[in-house]
Amino acid sequence: MNIKVRLSFAAILVIPLYLTFLALQTDIAQAADEHEADHKALESSPEHETYEVKVPESKLSEVKALKNVVALNKKSLSEAKAVYTGKGTCFNCHGEKGRGDGELASSFEPPPRNFTIPGWQKVRSDGELFWVITNGTDHGMPGFGDMLSDEEKWSLVNYIRNFGKHSGLASKK
């Protein structure tokens, strides 16, 4: 009788646990399939380029850890605007208001980055912006590593962040 009680008790515990395990496995598999479908849909959407990371994956964690060394203030923004519209030539592609609609924008596919998109401002770190300004991208943006000082590049990061201010986003340091 003692063995029957133990077997019944084990069956009462094991069967529901096993069924729960199967249900979880099914949910996990469905979630993975949905994630893959969402990823494929994003890759084929026009928004894919908007959110695509430009920093090589092997350097991404190091780059995200970089901290902006230039204080965000009127003076640094004024100096950055001078670089953006002057020797940095940023406005030629990104436009005066940072919308990716500069005079040369139509020459690029994909088009230059629109800095005013709140979602993009939210997901990109200051270090990523600095890295792209320094090294450029595979899609036509040249690197300005030799042309601009680190201080000028960090100031540009602040200036680019300022384009997203209307959306209430703070700097992503």
N, C-alpha and C. Protein backbone atom coordinates (compact mmCIF):
# COMPACT_ATOMS: atom_id res chain seq x y z
N MET A 1 0.82 -1.19 0.00
CA MET A 1 0.00 0.00 0.00
C MET A 1 0.86 1.25 0.00
N ASN A 2 1.95 1.22 0.72
CA ASN A 2 2.85 2.35 0.81
C ASN A 2 3.42 2.71 -0.56
N ILE A 3 3.72 1.69 -1.37
CA ILE A 3 4.26 1.91 -2.72
C ILE A 3 3.20 2.55 -3.60
N LYS A 4 1.93 2.12 -3.48
CA LYS A 4 0.86 2.70 -4.28
C LYS A 4 0.67 4.18 -3.94
N VAL A 5 0.78 4.53 -2.69
CA VAL A 5 0.63 5.93 -2.27
C VAL A 5 1.76 6.75 -2.86
N ARG A 6 2.98 6.21 -2.78
CA ARG A 6 4.12 6.92 -3.31
C ARG A 6 4.00 7.10 -4.83
N LEU A 7 3.55 6.03 -5.54
CA LEU A 7 3.38 6.13 -6.97
C LEU A 7 2.28 7.13 -7.32
N SER A 8 1.19 7.11 -6.59
CA SER A 8 0.10 8.06 -6.84
C SER A 8 0.58 9.48 -6.58
N PHE A 9 1.31 9.66 -5.47
CA PHE A 9 1.82 10.97 -5.13
C PHE A 9 2.80 11.45 -6.20
N ALA A 10 3.66 10.57 -6.66
CA ALA A 10 4.62 10.92 -7.71
C ALA A 10 3.88 11.26 -9.00
N ALA A 11 2.86 10.51 -9.33
CA ALA A 11 2.09 10.78 -10.55
C ALA A 11 1.39 12.13 -10.45
N ILE A 12 0.88 12.44 -9.28
CA ILE A 12 0.19 13.72 -9.08
C ILE A 12 1.16 14.88 -9.27
N LEU A 13 2.40 14.72 -8.86
CA LEU A 13 3.39 15.78 -9.01
C LEU A 13 4.05 15.79 -10.38
N VAL A 14 4.45 14.64 -10.85
CA VAL A 14 5.24 14.55 -12.07
C VAL A 14 4.43 14.89 -13.31
N ILE A 15 3.24 14.38 -13.44
CA ILE A 15 2.44 14.60 -14.66
C ILE A 15 2.15 16.09 -14.87
N PRO A 16 1.66 16.82 -13.86
CA PRO A 16 1.45 18.26 -14.08
C PRO A 16 2.75 19.02 -14.39
N LEU A 17 3.83 18.63 -13.72
CA LEU A 17 5.11 19.27 -14.00
C LEU A 17 5.55 19.01 -15.44
N TYR A 18 5.38 17.80 -15.89
CA TYR A 18 5.73 17.46 -17.26
C TYR A 18 4.88 18.22 -18.26
N LEU A 19 3.58 18.29 -18.00
CA LEU A 19 2.68 19.03 -18.89
C LEU A 19 3.02 20.52 -18.91
N THR A 20 3.36 21.06 -17.77
CA THR A 20 3.79 22.46 -17.69
C THR A 20 5.05 22.68 -18.51
N PHE A 21 5.99 21.76 -18.38
CA PHE A 21 7.23 21.83 -19.14
C PHE A 21 6.94 21.82 -20.64
N LEU A 22 6.07 20.95 -21.10
CA LEU A 22 5.72 20.90 -22.52
C LEU A 22 5.07 22.20 -22.98
N ALA A 23 4.19 22.74 -22.16
CA ALA A 23 3.53 23.99 -22.52
C ALA A 23 4.54 25.13 -22.62
N LEU A 24 5.49 25.17 -21.69
CA LEU A 24 6.52 26.21 -21.73
C LEU A 24 7.40 26.06 -22.96
N GLN A 25 7.76 24.84 -23.29
CA GLN A 25 8.58 24.59 -24.48
C GLN A 25 7.86 25.10 -25.73
N THR A 26 6.57 24.85 -25.81
CA THR A 26 5.78 25.31 -26.95
C THR A 26 5.74 26.83 -27.00
N ASP A 27 5.52 27.47 -25.83
CA ASP A 27 5.49 28.94 -25.77
C ASP A 27 6.83 29.53 -26.18
N ILE A 28 7.91 28.94 -25.72
CA ILE A 28 9.25 29.43 -26.06
C ILE A 28 9.50 29.30 -27.55
N ALA A 29 9.12 28.17 -28.12
CA ALA A 29 9.31 27.97 -29.56
C ALA A 29 8.47 28.96 -30.36
N GLN A 30 7.23 29.21 -29.92
CA GLN A 30 6.38 30.18 -30.61
C GLN A 30 6.96 31.59 -30.50
N ALA A 31 7.46 31.94 -29.33
CA ALA A 31 8.05 33.27 -29.13
C ALA A 31 9.28 33.44 -30.02
N ALA A 32 10.10 32.39 -30.13
CA ALA A 32 11.28 32.47 -30.99
C ALA A 32 10.87 32.64 -32.45
N ASP A 33 9.84 31.92 -32.87
CA ASP A 33 9.34 32.05 -34.25
C ASP A 33 8.80 33.46 -34.50
N GLU A 34 8.06 34.00 -33.53
CA GLU A 34 7.52 35.36 -33.67
C GLU A 34 8.64 36.39 -33.72
N HIS A 35 9.68 36.20 -32.89
CA HIS A 35 10.82 37.12 -32.89
C HIS A 35 11.52 37.09 -34.25
N GLU A 36 11.71 35.90 -34.77
CA GLU A 36 12.36 35.76 -36.09
C GLU A 36 11.51 36.42 -37.18
N ALA A 37 10.21 36.24 -37.11
CA ALA A 37 9.32 36.86 -38.10
C ALA A 37 9.37 38.38 -37.98
N ASP A 38 9.37 38.89 -36.75
CA ASP A 38 9.47 40.34 -36.54
C ASP A 38 10.78 40.88 -37.08
N HIS A 39 11.86 40.14 -36.83
CA HIS A 39 13.19 40.56 -37.31
C HIS A 39 13.22 40.60 -38.84
N LYS A 40 12.67 39.58 -39.47
CA LYS A 40 12.64 39.55 -40.94
C LYS A 40 11.78 40.69 -41.49
N ALA A 41 10.66 40.96 -40.83
CA ALA A 41 9.80 42.06 -41.27
C ALA A 41 10.53 43.39 -41.14
N LEU A 42 11.27 43.58 -40.04
CA LEU A 42 12.01 44.82 -39.85
C LEU A 42 13.10 44.96 -40.89
N GLU A 43 13.80 43.87 -41.20
CA GLU A 43 14.87 43.93 -42.20
C GLU A 43 14.35 44.35 -43.57
N SER A 44 13.12 44.00 -43.88
CA SER A 44 12.58 44.33 -45.19
C SER A 44 11.82 45.66 -45.17
N SER A 45 11.72 46.29 -44.00
CA SER A 45 10.99 47.56 -43.91
C SER A 45 11.94 48.73 -44.11
N PRO A 46 11.39 49.88 -44.47
CA PRO A 46 12.22 51.08 -44.60
C PRO A 46 12.85 51.51 -43.27
N GLU A 47 12.26 51.10 -42.16
CA GLU A 47 12.78 51.46 -40.85
C GLU A 47 14.04 50.69 -40.47
N HIS A 48 14.32 49.60 -41.19
CA HIS A 48 15.50 48.80 -40.87
C HIS A 48 16.75 49.65 -40.89
N GLU A 49 16.92 50.44 -41.92
CA GLU A 49 18.10 51.28 -42.04
C GLU A 49 18.14 52.32 -40.93
N THR A 50 16.98 52.77 -40.49
CA THR A 50 16.90 53.77 -39.43
C THR A 50 17.53 53.27 -38.14
N TYR A 51 17.31 52.02 -37.81
CA TYR A 51 17.75 51.48 -36.53
C TYR A 51 18.99 50.60 -36.63
N GLU A 52 19.49 50.38 -37.82
CA GLU A 52 20.64 49.50 -38.00
C GLU A 52 21.88 50.06 -37.30
N VAL A 53 22.55 49.19 -36.58
CA VAL A 53 23.78 49.57 -35.89
C VAL A 53 24.91 49.69 -36.92
N LYS A 54 25.67 50.76 -36.84
CA LYS A 54 26.75 51.01 -37.80
C LYS A 54 28.11 50.59 -37.26
N VAL A 55 28.22 50.35 -35.98
CA VAL A 55 29.48 49.96 -35.35
C VAL A 55 29.63 48.45 -35.47
N PRO A 56 30.82 47.97 -35.86
CA PRO A 56 31.01 46.51 -35.92
C PRO A 56 30.72 45.86 -34.57
N GLU A 57 30.07 44.72 -34.61
CA GLU A 57 29.66 44.05 -33.38
C GLU A 57 30.84 43.78 -32.45
N SER A 58 32.00 43.50 -33.01
CA SER A 58 33.17 43.21 -32.19
C SER A 58 33.62 44.41 -31.36
N LYS A 59 33.21 45.60 -31.74
CA LYS A 59 33.62 46.82 -31.03
C LYS A 59 32.47 47.48 -30.29
N LEU A 60 31.27 46.96 -30.45
CA LEU A 60 30.07 47.64 -29.97
C LEU A 60 30.07 47.89 -28.46
N SER A 61 30.39 46.89 -27.65
CA SER A 61 30.34 47.11 -26.19
C SER A 61 31.37 48.14 -25.76
N GLU A 62 32.54 48.10 -26.35
CA GLU A 62 33.59 49.08 -26.03
C GLU A 62 33.14 50.49 -26.44
N VAL A 63 32.56 50.60 -27.61
CA VAL A 63 32.12 51.90 -28.13
C VAL A 63 30.96 52.45 -27.31
N LYS A 64 30.02 51.60 -26.94
CA LYS A 64 28.88 52.05 -26.13
C LYS A 64 29.33 52.59 -24.77
N ALA A 65 30.47 52.12 -24.28
CA ALA A 65 30.97 52.56 -22.98
C ALA A 65 31.67 53.92 -23.04
N LEU A 66 31.96 54.42 -24.24
CA LEU A 66 32.60 55.72 -24.35
C LEU A 66 31.70 56.81 -23.79
N LYS A 67 32.29 57.75 -23.08
CA LYS A 67 31.54 58.84 -22.46
C LYS A 67 31.92 60.16 -23.11
N ASN A 68 30.91 60.97 -23.36
CA ASN A 68 31.11 62.29 -23.95
C ASN A 68 31.86 63.17 -22.95
N VAL A 69 32.97 63.75 -23.39
CA VAL A 69 33.81 64.57 -22.51
C VAL A 69 33.52 66.06 -22.67
N VAL A 70 32.61 66.42 -23.57
CA VAL A 70 32.28 67.83 -23.80
C VAL A 70 30.95 68.15 -23.13
N ALA A 71 30.99 69.17 -22.29
CA ALA A 71 29.78 69.60 -21.59
C ALA A 71 28.76 70.13 -22.58
N LEU A 72 27.52 69.82 -22.31
CA LEU A 72 26.43 70.32 -23.14
C LEU A 72 26.04 71.70 -22.63
N ASN A 73 26.39 72.72 -23.39
CA ASN A 73 26.03 74.09 -23.03
C ASN A 73 25.95 74.93 -24.31
N LYS A 74 25.52 76.16 -24.17
CA LYS A 74 25.34 77.02 -25.35
C LYS A 74 26.63 77.20 -26.13
N LYS A 75 27.73 77.35 -25.42
CA LYS A 75 29.02 77.56 -26.09
C LYS A 75 29.40 76.35 -26.94
N SER A 76 29.32 75.15 -26.35
CA SER A 76 29.71 73.95 -27.10
C SER A 76 28.76 73.68 -28.26
N LEU A 77 27.47 73.97 -28.07
CA LEU A 77 26.51 73.79 -29.17
C LEU A 77 26.77 74.79 -30.30
N SER A 78 27.14 76.00 -29.95
CA SER A 78 27.45 77.01 -30.95
C SER A 78 28.69 76.60 -31.75
N GLU A 79 29.71 76.11 -31.05
CA GLU A 79 30.92 75.64 -31.72
C GLU A 79 30.61 74.43 -32.60
N ALA A 80 29.77 73.55 -32.10
CA ALA A 80 29.41 72.35 -32.87
C ALA A 80 28.62 72.72 -34.12
N LYS A 81 27.74 73.71 -34.01
CA LYS A 81 26.98 74.15 -35.17
C LYS A 81 27.93 74.66 -36.25
N ALA A 82 28.96 75.38 -35.82
CA ALA A 82 29.96 75.89 -36.78
C ALA A 82 30.69 74.73 -37.48
N VAL A 83 30.96 73.67 -36.76
CA VAL A 83 31.60 72.49 -37.37
C VAL A 83 30.61 71.79 -38.30
N TYR A 84 29.37 71.61 -37.82
CA TYR A 84 28.31 70.93 -38.58
C TYR A 84 28.06 71.61 -39.92
N THR A 85 28.03 72.94 -39.90
CA THR A 85 27.74 73.69 -41.13
C THR A 85 29.00 74.15 -41.85
N GLY A 86 30.16 73.88 -41.25
CA GLY A 86 31.43 74.33 -41.83
C GLY A 86 32.30 73.16 -42.23
N LYS A 87 33.45 73.06 -41.56
CA LYS A 87 34.45 72.08 -41.99
C LYS A 87 33.98 70.62 -41.88
N GLY A 88 33.00 70.35 -41.03
CA GLY A 88 32.46 69.00 -40.94
C GLY A 88 31.58 68.64 -42.13
N THR A 89 31.06 69.63 -42.79
CA THR A 89 30.20 69.50 -43.98
C THR A 89 28.98 68.60 -43.75
N CYS A 90 28.60 68.39 -42.50
CA CYS A 90 27.50 67.49 -42.16
C CYS A 90 26.19 67.90 -42.83
N PHE A 91 25.93 69.21 -42.85
CA PHE A 91 24.66 69.71 -43.37
C PHE A 91 24.44 69.37 -44.84
N ASN A 92 25.53 69.15 -45.59
CA ASN A 92 25.38 68.82 -47.01
C ASN A 92 24.55 67.54 -47.22
N CYS A 93 24.69 66.61 -46.30
CA CYS A 93 23.95 65.35 -46.41
C CYS A 93 22.78 65.29 -45.42
N HIS A 94 23.04 65.68 -44.18
CA HIS A 94 22.03 65.55 -43.13
C HIS A 94 21.06 66.72 -43.07
N GLY A 95 21.35 67.80 -43.78
CA GLY A 95 20.47 68.96 -43.79
C GLY A 95 20.70 69.85 -42.58
N GLU A 96 20.29 71.10 -42.72
CA GLU A 96 20.50 72.06 -41.64
C GLU A 96 19.76 71.69 -40.37
N LYS A 97 18.63 71.04 -40.49
CA LYS A 97 17.82 70.66 -39.32
C LYS A 97 18.03 69.20 -38.93
N GLY A 98 19.01 68.52 -39.57
CA GLY A 98 19.34 67.14 -39.20
C GLY A 98 18.36 66.09 -39.66
N ARG A 99 17.58 66.38 -40.68
CA ARG A 99 16.53 65.45 -41.13
C ARG A 99 16.99 64.49 -42.24
N GLY A 100 18.26 64.55 -42.60
CA GLY A 100 18.75 63.68 -43.67
C GLY A 100 18.33 64.16 -45.04
N ASP A 101 18.04 65.44 -45.16
CA ASP A 101 17.52 65.99 -46.41
C ASP A 101 18.42 67.09 -46.99
N GLY A 102 19.72 66.97 -46.77
CA GLY A 102 20.65 67.96 -47.30
C GLY A 102 20.75 67.90 -48.82
N GLU A 103 21.46 68.85 -49.38
CA GLU A 103 21.60 68.97 -50.84
C GLU A 103 22.09 67.69 -51.51
N LEU A 104 22.98 66.97 -50.84
CA LEU A 104 23.56 65.76 -51.43
C LEU A 104 22.82 64.48 -51.03
N ALA A 105 21.79 64.60 -50.23
CA ALA A 105 21.10 63.42 -49.69
C ALA A 105 20.59 62.48 -50.77
N SER A 106 20.09 63.03 -51.86
CA SER A 106 19.52 62.18 -52.91
C SER A 106 20.58 61.33 -53.61
N SER A 107 21.84 61.61 -53.36
CA SER A 107 22.93 60.84 -53.96
C SER A 107 23.19 59.53 -53.24
N PHE A 108 22.55 59.32 -52.10
CA PHE A 108 22.86 58.16 -51.27
C PHE A 108 21.68 57.21 -51.15
N GLU A 109 22.00 55.93 -51.16
CA GLU A 109 21.02 54.88 -50.90
C GLU A 109 21.69 53.88 -49.96
N PRO A 110 21.26 53.77 -48.76
CA PRO A 110 20.15 54.46 -48.12
C PRO A 110 20.47 55.94 -47.91
N PRO A 111 19.44 56.75 -47.67
CA PRO A 111 19.65 58.18 -47.46
C PRO A 111 20.40 58.44 -46.15
N PRO A 112 20.96 59.63 -46.01
CA PRO A 112 21.66 59.98 -44.77
C PRO A 112 20.72 59.90 -43.57
N ARG A 113 21.31 59.69 -42.41
CA ARG A 113 20.57 59.55 -41.16
C ARG A 113 19.72 60.79 -40.88
N ASN A 114 18.50 60.54 -40.41
CA ASN A 114 17.62 61.60 -39.93
C ASN A 114 17.79 61.64 -38.41
N PHE A 115 18.44 62.67 -37.91
CA PHE A 115 18.75 62.76 -36.48
C PHE A 115 17.54 63.12 -35.62
N THR A 116 16.43 63.46 -36.22
CA THR A 116 15.26 63.89 -35.45
C THR A 116 14.34 62.74 -35.07
N ILE A 117 14.63 61.54 -35.51
CA ILE A 117 13.76 60.38 -35.21
C ILE A 117 13.95 59.98 -33.74
N PRO A 118 12.89 60.09 -32.94
CA PRO A 118 13.00 59.80 -31.51
C PRO A 118 13.50 58.38 -31.21
N GLY A 119 13.01 57.39 -31.93
CA GLY A 119 13.43 56.02 -31.67
C GLY A 119 14.91 55.82 -31.90
N TRP A 120 15.44 56.43 -32.93
CA TRP A 120 16.87 56.33 -33.21
C TRP A 120 17.67 57.03 -32.12
N GLN A 121 17.24 58.23 -31.73
CA GLN A 121 17.93 58.96 -30.67
C GLN A 121 17.98 58.12 -29.39
N LYS A 122 16.91 57.39 -29.14
CA LYS A 122 16.80 56.61 -27.91
C LYS A 122 17.74 55.40 -27.89
N VAL A 123 17.93 54.74 -29.02
CA VAL A 123 18.68 53.49 -29.03
C VAL A 123 20.18 53.63 -29.33
N ARG A 124 20.62 54.76 -29.81
CA ARG A 124 22.04 54.95 -30.11
C ARG A 124 22.74 55.65 -28.96
N SER A 125 23.88 55.14 -28.56
CA SER A 125 24.67 55.75 -27.48
C SER A 125 25.53 56.87 -28.04
N ASP A 126 25.99 57.75 -27.16
CA ASP A 126 26.90 58.81 -27.57
C ASP A 126 28.17 58.22 -28.18
N GLY A 127 28.64 57.12 -27.59
CA GLY A 127 29.85 56.47 -28.11
C GLY A 127 29.68 55.98 -29.54
N GLU A 128 28.48 55.46 -29.87
CA GLU A 128 28.22 55.02 -31.24
C GLU A 128 28.26 56.19 -32.20
N LEU A 129 27.66 57.32 -31.81
CA LEU A 129 27.69 58.49 -32.68
C LEU A 129 29.13 58.96 -32.89
N PHE A 130 29.91 59.00 -31.82
CA PHE A 130 31.30 59.41 -31.91
C PHE A 130 32.07 58.48 -32.87
N TRP A 131 31.85 57.18 -32.73
CA TRP A 131 32.55 56.21 -33.57
C TRP A 131 32.20 56.41 -35.05
N VAL A 132 30.92 56.63 -35.35
CA VAL A 132 30.51 56.82 -36.74
C VAL A 132 31.09 58.12 -37.30
N ILE A 133 31.08 59.18 -36.51
CA ILE A 133 31.68 60.43 -36.97
C ILE A 133 33.17 60.20 -37.26
N THR A 134 33.83 59.45 -36.43
CA THR A 134 35.27 59.19 -36.58
C THR A 134 35.57 58.27 -37.75
N ASN A 135 34.80 57.18 -37.90
CA ASN A 135 35.13 56.12 -38.86
C ASN A 135 34.26 56.08 -40.10
N GLY A 136 33.11 56.75 -40.08
CA GLY A 136 32.20 56.70 -41.21
C GLY A 136 31.40 55.40 -41.22
N THR A 137 30.70 55.17 -42.33
CA THR A 137 29.88 53.97 -42.47
C THR A 137 30.18 53.29 -43.80
N ASP A 138 29.63 52.12 -43.98
CA ASP A 138 29.76 51.39 -45.24
C ASP A 138 28.80 51.93 -46.30
N HIS A 139 27.95 52.88 -45.93
CA HIS A 139 26.92 53.38 -46.83
C HIS A 139 27.18 54.78 -47.36
N GLY A 140 28.42 55.22 -47.35
CA GLY A 140 28.73 56.49 -47.98
C GLY A 140 29.23 57.59 -47.08
N MET A 141 28.95 57.51 -45.78
CA MET A 141 29.44 58.57 -44.91
C MET A 141 30.93 58.39 -44.68
N PRO A 142 31.71 59.41 -44.99
CA PRO A 142 33.15 59.29 -44.74
C PRO A 142 33.45 59.47 -43.25
N GLY A 143 34.57 58.96 -42.83
CA GLY A 143 35.03 59.18 -41.47
C GLY A 143 35.73 60.53 -41.38
N PHE A 144 35.58 61.18 -40.24
CA PHE A 144 36.21 62.48 -40.02
C PHE A 144 37.27 62.40 -38.93
N GLY A 145 37.81 61.20 -38.74
CA GLY A 145 38.80 60.98 -37.68
C GLY A 145 40.01 61.88 -37.78
N ASP A 146 40.52 62.12 -38.99
CA ASP A 146 41.70 62.95 -39.17
C ASP A 146 41.34 64.42 -39.37
N MET A 147 40.11 64.70 -39.71
CA MET A 147 39.70 66.06 -40.05
C MET A 147 39.23 66.86 -38.83
N LEU A 148 38.65 66.16 -37.86
CA LEU A 148 38.09 66.82 -36.68
C LEU A 148 38.80 66.33 -35.42
N SER A 149 38.94 67.22 -34.45
CA SER A 149 39.51 66.82 -33.16
C SER A 149 38.46 66.01 -32.40
N ASP A 150 38.92 65.28 -31.38
CA ASP A 150 37.97 64.53 -30.55
C ASP A 150 36.98 65.48 -29.90
N GLU A 151 37.42 66.64 -29.46
CA GLU A 151 36.52 67.61 -28.85
C GLU A 151 35.44 68.05 -29.84
N GLU A 152 35.83 68.29 -31.10
CA GLU A 152 34.84 68.68 -32.11
C GLU A 152 33.85 67.55 -32.37
N LYS A 153 34.33 66.32 -32.39
CA LYS A 153 33.43 65.18 -32.62
C LYS A 153 32.45 65.01 -31.46
N TRP A 154 32.93 65.15 -30.22
CA TRP A 154 32.04 65.05 -29.07
C TRP A 154 31.04 66.21 -29.08
N SER A 155 31.47 67.38 -29.48
CA SER A 155 30.55 68.52 -29.60
C SER A 155 29.48 68.22 -30.63
N LEU A 156 29.88 67.60 -31.74
CA LEU A 156 28.90 67.21 -32.76
C LEU A 156 27.88 66.22 -32.20
N VAL A 157 28.35 65.31 -31.35
CA VAL A 157 27.42 64.36 -30.73
C VAL A 157 26.36 65.15 -29.95
N ASN A 158 26.78 66.13 -29.18
CA ASN A 158 25.81 66.97 -28.45
C ASN A 158 24.87 67.70 -29.40
N TYR A 159 25.42 68.20 -30.49
CA TYR A 159 24.62 68.94 -31.47
C TYR A 159 23.58 68.01 -32.12
N ILE A 160 24.01 66.81 -32.46
CA ILE A 160 23.10 65.81 -33.04
C ILE A 160 22.00 65.46 -32.03
N ARG A 161 22.38 65.30 -30.77
CA ARG A 161 21.38 65.03 -29.73
C ARG A 161 20.39 66.19 -29.63
N ASN A 162 20.87 67.39 -29.86
CA ASN A 162 20.00 68.56 -29.77
C ASN A 162 18.88 68.52 -30.82
N PHE A 163 19.12 67.87 -31.96
CA PHE A 163 18.07 67.72 -32.97
C PHE A 163 16.90 66.90 -32.42
N GLY A 164 17.19 66.00 -31.48
CA GLY A 164 16.14 65.18 -30.91
C GLY A 164 15.47 65.76 -29.68
N LYS A 165 15.90 66.93 -29.26
CA LYS A 165 15.36 67.54 -28.03
C LYS A 165 13.86 67.75 -28.08
N HIS A 166 13.34 68.10 -29.25
CA HIS A 166 11.90 68.36 -29.35
C HIS A 166 11.08 67.15 -28.94
N SER A 167 11.69 65.97 -28.98
CA SER A 167 10.96 64.76 -28.60
C SER A 167 11.11 64.47 -27.12
N GLY A 168 11.84 65.34 -26.40
CA GLY A 168 11.97 65.18 -24.96
C GLY A 168 13.02 64.15 -24.56
N LEU A 169 13.89 63.79 -25.48
CA LEU A 169 14.90 62.79 -25.17
C LEU A 169 16.14 63.45 -24.60
N ALA A 170 16.68 62.84 -23.60
CA ALA A 170 17.94 63.32 -23.02
C ALA A 170 19.09 62.59 -23.72
N SER A 171 20.27 63.05 -23.49
CA SER A 171 21.46 62.43 -24.07
C SER A 171 21.54 60.98 -23.62
N LYS A 172 21.93 60.11 -24.52
CA LYS A 172 22.08 58.68 -24.22
C LYS A 172 23.57 58.43 -24.02
N LYS A 173 24.06 58.68 -22.83
CA LYS A 173 25.50 58.57 -22.55
C LYS A 173 25.89 57.20 -22.13
